[in-house]
Amino acid sequence: QVQLVESGGGWVQAGGSLRLSCAASGRTVSSYAMAWFRQAPGKEREFLAWSGGRTDYADSVKGRFTISRDNAKNTIFLQMNSLKPEDTAVYYCAARSILGGPTARRPVEYGYWGQGTQVTVSS
């Protein structure tokens, strides 16, 4: 099994940037498709970005967010630019043992989750 720990969240003004990290242990991330989700209060968990041999993004973050992975450090990242107040949420990384195939956009398709990191964007 893989364990995931997110970091890098915090407070930022609108238009600013943050880079989130998701450190994996137990198994190497190269064996997994990885994704980032977020969940705002009172809302469902929302797919943001996927890395599973290729990358894919939700329309809401395409062009602003970039997912990447450093297999040597067993870590994935989410670079977030041009942040907006509506990006405020708890951000989660997730792992899926099926590496290829179509983009997995539903939380139920992932078996492993981190504890989340809070991102707050002020106007």
C-alpha atoms as a PDB file:
ATOM      1  CA  GLN A   1       0.000   0.000   0.000  1.00  0.00           C
ATOM      2  CA  VAL A   2       0.999   3.601  -0.491  1.00  0.00           C
ATOM      3  CA  GLN A   3       0.667   6.348   2.119  1.00  0.00           C
ATOM      4  CA  LEU A   4       0.251   9.962   0.986  1.00  0.00           C
ATOM      5  CA  VAL A   5       0.981  13.196   2.840  1.00  0.00           C
ATOM      6  CA  GLU A   6       0.168  16.604   1.353  1.00  0.00           C
ATOM      7  CA  SER A   7       1.919  19.846   2.238  1.00  0.00           C
ATOM      8  CA  GLY A   8       2.323  23.354   0.896  1.00  0.00           C
ATOM      9  CA  GLY A   9      -1.118  24.756   1.543  1.00  0.00           C
ATOM     10  CA  GLY A  10      -1.669  28.132   3.129  1.00  0.00           C
ATOM     11  CA  TRP A  11      -3.052  31.584   2.621  1.00  0.00           C
ATOM     12  CA  VAL A  12      -2.468  33.610  -0.539  1.00  0.00           C
ATOM     13  CA  GLN A  13      -3.960  36.690  -2.164  1.00  0.00           C
ATOM     14  CA  ALA A  14      -5.898  36.422  -5.387  1.00  0.00           C
ATOM     15  CA  GLY A  15      -3.550  36.259  -8.352  1.00  0.00           C
ATOM     16  CA  GLY A  16      -0.845  34.571  -6.326  1.00  0.00           C
ATOM     17  CA  SER A  17       0.693  31.111  -6.569  1.00  0.00           C
ATOM     18  CA  LEU A  18       1.208  28.065  -4.397  1.00  0.00           C
ATOM     19  CA  ARG A  19       2.866  24.724  -4.981  1.00  0.00           C
ATOM     20  CA  LEU A  20       1.424  21.715  -3.224  1.00  0.00           C
ATOM     21  CA  SER A  21       3.435  18.568  -2.605  1.00  0.00           C
ATOM     22  CA  CYS A  22       2.275  15.018  -2.009  1.00  0.00           C
ATOM     23  CA  ALA A  23       4.942  12.752  -0.562  1.00  0.00           C
ATOM     24  CA  ALA A  24       4.394   9.026  -0.945  1.00  0.00           C
ATOM     25  CA  SER A  25       5.763   6.207   1.167  1.00  0.00           C
ATOM     26  CA  GLY A  26       5.342   2.477   1.184  1.00  0.00           C
ATOM     27  CA  ARG A  27       5.292   2.135  -2.593  1.00  0.00           C
ATOM     28  CA  THR A  28       6.747   4.103  -5.461  1.00  0.00           C
ATOM     29  CA  VAL A  29       4.458   6.611  -7.186  1.00  0.00           C
ATOM     30  CA  SER A  30       5.691   5.359 -10.553  1.00  0.00           C
ATOM     31  CA  SER A  31       3.389   2.373 -10.006  1.00  0.00           C
ATOM     32  CA  TYR A  32       0.288   4.547  -9.627  1.00  0.00           C
ATOM     33  CA  ALA A  33      -1.826   7.017 -11.487  1.00  0.00           C
ATOM     34  CA  MET A  34      -1.905  10.131  -9.318  1.00  0.00           C
ATOM     35  CA  ALA A  35      -4.427  12.933  -9.092  1.00  0.00           C
ATOM     36  CA  TRP A  36      -5.339  16.064  -7.207  1.00  0.00           C
ATOM     37  CA  PHE A  37      -8.834  16.830  -5.940  1.00  0.00           C
ATOM     38  CA  ARG A  38     -10.269  19.563  -3.771  1.00  0.00           C
ATOM     39  CA  GLN A  39     -13.292  19.952  -1.556  1.00  0.00           C
ATOM     40  CA  ALA A  40     -14.842  23.225  -0.448  1.00  0.00           C
ATOM     41  CA  PRO A  41     -17.274  23.394   2.495  1.00  0.00           C
ATOM     42  CA  GLY A  42     -20.678  22.053   1.555  1.00  0.00           C
ATOM     43  CA  LYS A  43     -19.494  20.862  -1.862  1.00  0.00           C
ATOM     44  CA  GLU A  44     -18.553  17.530  -3.380  1.00  0.00           C
ATOM     45  CA  ARG A  45     -14.955  16.536  -3.888  1.00  0.00           C
ATOM     46  CA  GLU A  46     -13.855  17.931  -7.253  1.00  0.00           C
ATOM     47  CA  PHE A  47     -11.320  16.474  -9.704  1.00  0.00           C
ATOM     48  CA  LEU A  48      -8.520  18.850 -10.684  1.00  0.00           C
ATOM     49  CA  ALA A  49      -5.607  17.088 -12.354  1.00  0.00           C
ATOM     50  CA  TRP A  50      -4.375  13.639 -13.374  1.00  0.00           C
ATOM     51  CA  SER A  51      -0.975  12.117 -14.050  1.00  0.00           C
ATOM     52  CA  GLY A  52      -1.154   8.596 -15.438  1.00  0.00           C
ATOM     53  CA  GLY A  53       1.290   8.376 -18.301  1.00  0.00           C
ATOM     54  CA  ARG A  54      -0.154  11.637 -19.595  1.00  0.00           C
ATOM     55  CA  THR A  55      -1.699  14.606 -17.854  1.00  0.00           C
ATOM     56  CA  ASP A  56      -5.254  15.864 -17.890  1.00  0.00           C
ATOM     57  CA  TYR A  57      -7.061  18.696 -16.149  1.00  0.00           C
ATOM     58  CA  ALA A  58     -10.477  19.902 -15.176  1.00  0.00           C
ATOM     59  CA  ASP A  59     -11.642  22.831 -17.301  1.00  0.00           C
ATOM     60  CA  SER A  60     -11.823  25.004 -14.180  1.00  0.00           C
ATOM     61  CA  VAL A  61      -8.032  24.840 -13.669  1.00  0.00           C
ATOM     62  CA  LYS A  62      -6.672  24.176 -17.160  1.00  0.00           C
ATOM     63  CA  GLY A  63      -3.949  26.702 -17.962  1.00  0.00           C
ATOM     64  CA  ARG A  64      -3.568  27.716 -14.299  1.00  0.00           C
ATOM     65  CA  PHE A  65      -2.644  24.466 -12.522  1.00  0.00           C
ATOM     66  CA  THR A  66       0.100  22.005 -13.462  1.00  0.00           C
ATOM     67  CA  ILE A  67       0.543  18.493 -12.107  1.00  0.00           C
ATOM     68  CA  SER A  68       3.993  16.945 -12.109  1.00  0.00           C
ATOM     69  CA  ARG A  69       5.798  14.083 -10.468  1.00  0.00           C
ATOM     70  CA  ASP A  70       9.331  13.463  -9.294  1.00  0.00           C
ATOM     71  CA  ASN A  71       9.677   9.702  -9.173  1.00  0.00           C
ATOM     72  CA  ALA A  72      13.145   9.948  -7.646  1.00  0.00           C
ATOM     73  CA  LYS A  73      11.667  11.847  -4.678  1.00  0.00           C
ATOM     74  CA  ASN A  74       8.482   9.774  -4.730  1.00  0.00           C
ATOM     75  CA  THR A  75       6.498  12.993  -4.768  1.00  0.00           C
ATOM     76  CA  ILE A  76       3.879  14.657  -6.930  1.00  0.00           C
ATOM     77  CA  PHE A  77       3.238  18.358  -7.142  1.00  0.00           C
ATOM     78  CA  LEU A  78       0.465  20.741  -8.043  1.00  0.00           C
ATOM     79  CA  GLN A  79       1.661  24.154  -9.176  1.00  0.00           C
ATOM     80  CA  MET A  80      -1.206  26.608  -8.833  1.00  0.00           C
ATOM     81  CA  ASN A  81      -0.998  30.015 -10.498  1.00  0.00           C
ATOM     82  CA  SER A  82      -3.449  32.900 -10.893  1.00  0.00           C
ATOM     83  CA  LEU A  83      -5.346  31.736  -7.836  1.00  0.00           C
ATOM     84  CA  LYS A  84      -8.901  32.925  -7.299  1.00  0.00           C
ATOM     85  CA  PRO A  85     -11.034  33.102  -4.136  1.00  0.00           C
ATOM     86  CA  GLU A  86     -13.143  30.251  -5.525  1.00  0.00           C
ATOM     87  CA  ASP A  87     -10.041  28.034  -5.381  1.00  0.00           C
ATOM     88  CA  THR A  88     -10.332  28.056  -1.583  1.00  0.00           C
ATOM     89  CA  ALA A  89     -10.719  24.443  -0.442  1.00  0.00           C
ATOM     90  CA  VAL A  90      -8.981  21.498   1.147  1.00  0.00           C
ATOM     91  CA  TYR A  91      -6.737  19.912  -1.473  1.00  0.00           C
ATOM     92  CA  TYR A  92      -6.135  16.167  -1.598  1.00  0.00           C
ATOM     93  CA  CYS A  93      -3.812  13.937  -3.548  1.00  0.00           C
ATOM     94  CA  ALA A  94      -4.947  10.461  -4.500  1.00  0.00           C
ATOM     95  CA  ALA A  95      -3.433   7.313  -5.970  1.00  0.00           C
ATOM     96  CA  ARG A  96      -4.938   4.698  -8.249  1.00  0.00           C
ATOM     97  CA  SER A  97      -3.231   1.361  -8.866  1.00  0.00           C
ATOM     98  CA  ILE A  98      -4.370   1.297 -12.521  1.00  0.00           C
ATOM     99  CA  LEU A  99      -1.726   3.419 -14.239  1.00  0.00           C
ATOM    100  CA  GLY A 100      -3.114   3.864 -17.751  1.00  0.00           C
ATOM    101  CA  GLY A 101      -6.502   4.086 -19.335  1.00  0.00           C
ATOM    102  CA  PRO A 102      -8.868   7.051 -19.485  1.00  0.00           C
ATOM    103  CA  THR A 103      -8.638   9.858 -16.979  1.00  0.00           C
ATOM    104  CA  ALA A 104     -10.197   8.843 -13.674  1.00  0.00           C
ATOM    105  CA  ARG A 105     -12.235  11.841 -12.535  1.00  0.00           C
ATOM    106  CA  ARG A 106     -14.375  10.273  -9.820  1.00  0.00           C
ATOM    107  CA  PRO A 107     -13.120  10.015  -6.215  1.00  0.00           C
ATOM    108  CA  VAL A 108     -14.478   6.458  -5.978  1.00  0.00           C
ATOM    109  CA  GLU A 109     -11.880   5.379  -8.568  1.00  0.00           C
ATOM    110  CA  TYR A 110      -9.024   6.038  -6.137  1.00  0.00           C
ATOM    111  CA  GLY A 111      -8.030   3.724  -3.333  1.00  0.00           C
ATOM    112  CA  TYR A 112      -5.506   5.894  -1.537  1.00  0.00           C
ATOM    113  CA  TRP A 113      -5.835   9.427  -0.198  1.00  0.00           C
ATOM    114  CA  GLY A 114      -3.811  11.906   1.773  1.00  0.00           C
ATOM    115  CA  GLN A 115      -5.199  13.842   4.724  1.00  0.00           C
ATOM    116  CA  GLY A 116      -5.544  17.090   2.769  1.00  0.00           C
ATOM    117  CA  THR A 117      -4.032  20.560   2.987  1.00  0.00           C
ATOM    118  CA  GLN A 118      -6.002  23.793   3.283  1.00  0.00           C
ATOM    119  CA  VAL A 119      -5.664  26.480   0.614  1.00  0.00           C
ATOM    120  CA  THR A 120      -7.245  29.861   1.286  1.00  0.00           C
ATOM    121  CA  VAL A 121      -7.302  32.577  -1.391  1.00  0.00           C
ATOM    122  CA  SER A 122      -8.355  36.033  -0.293  1.00  0.00           C
ATOM    123  CA  SER A 123      -9.779  38.691  -2.590  1.00  0.00           C
END
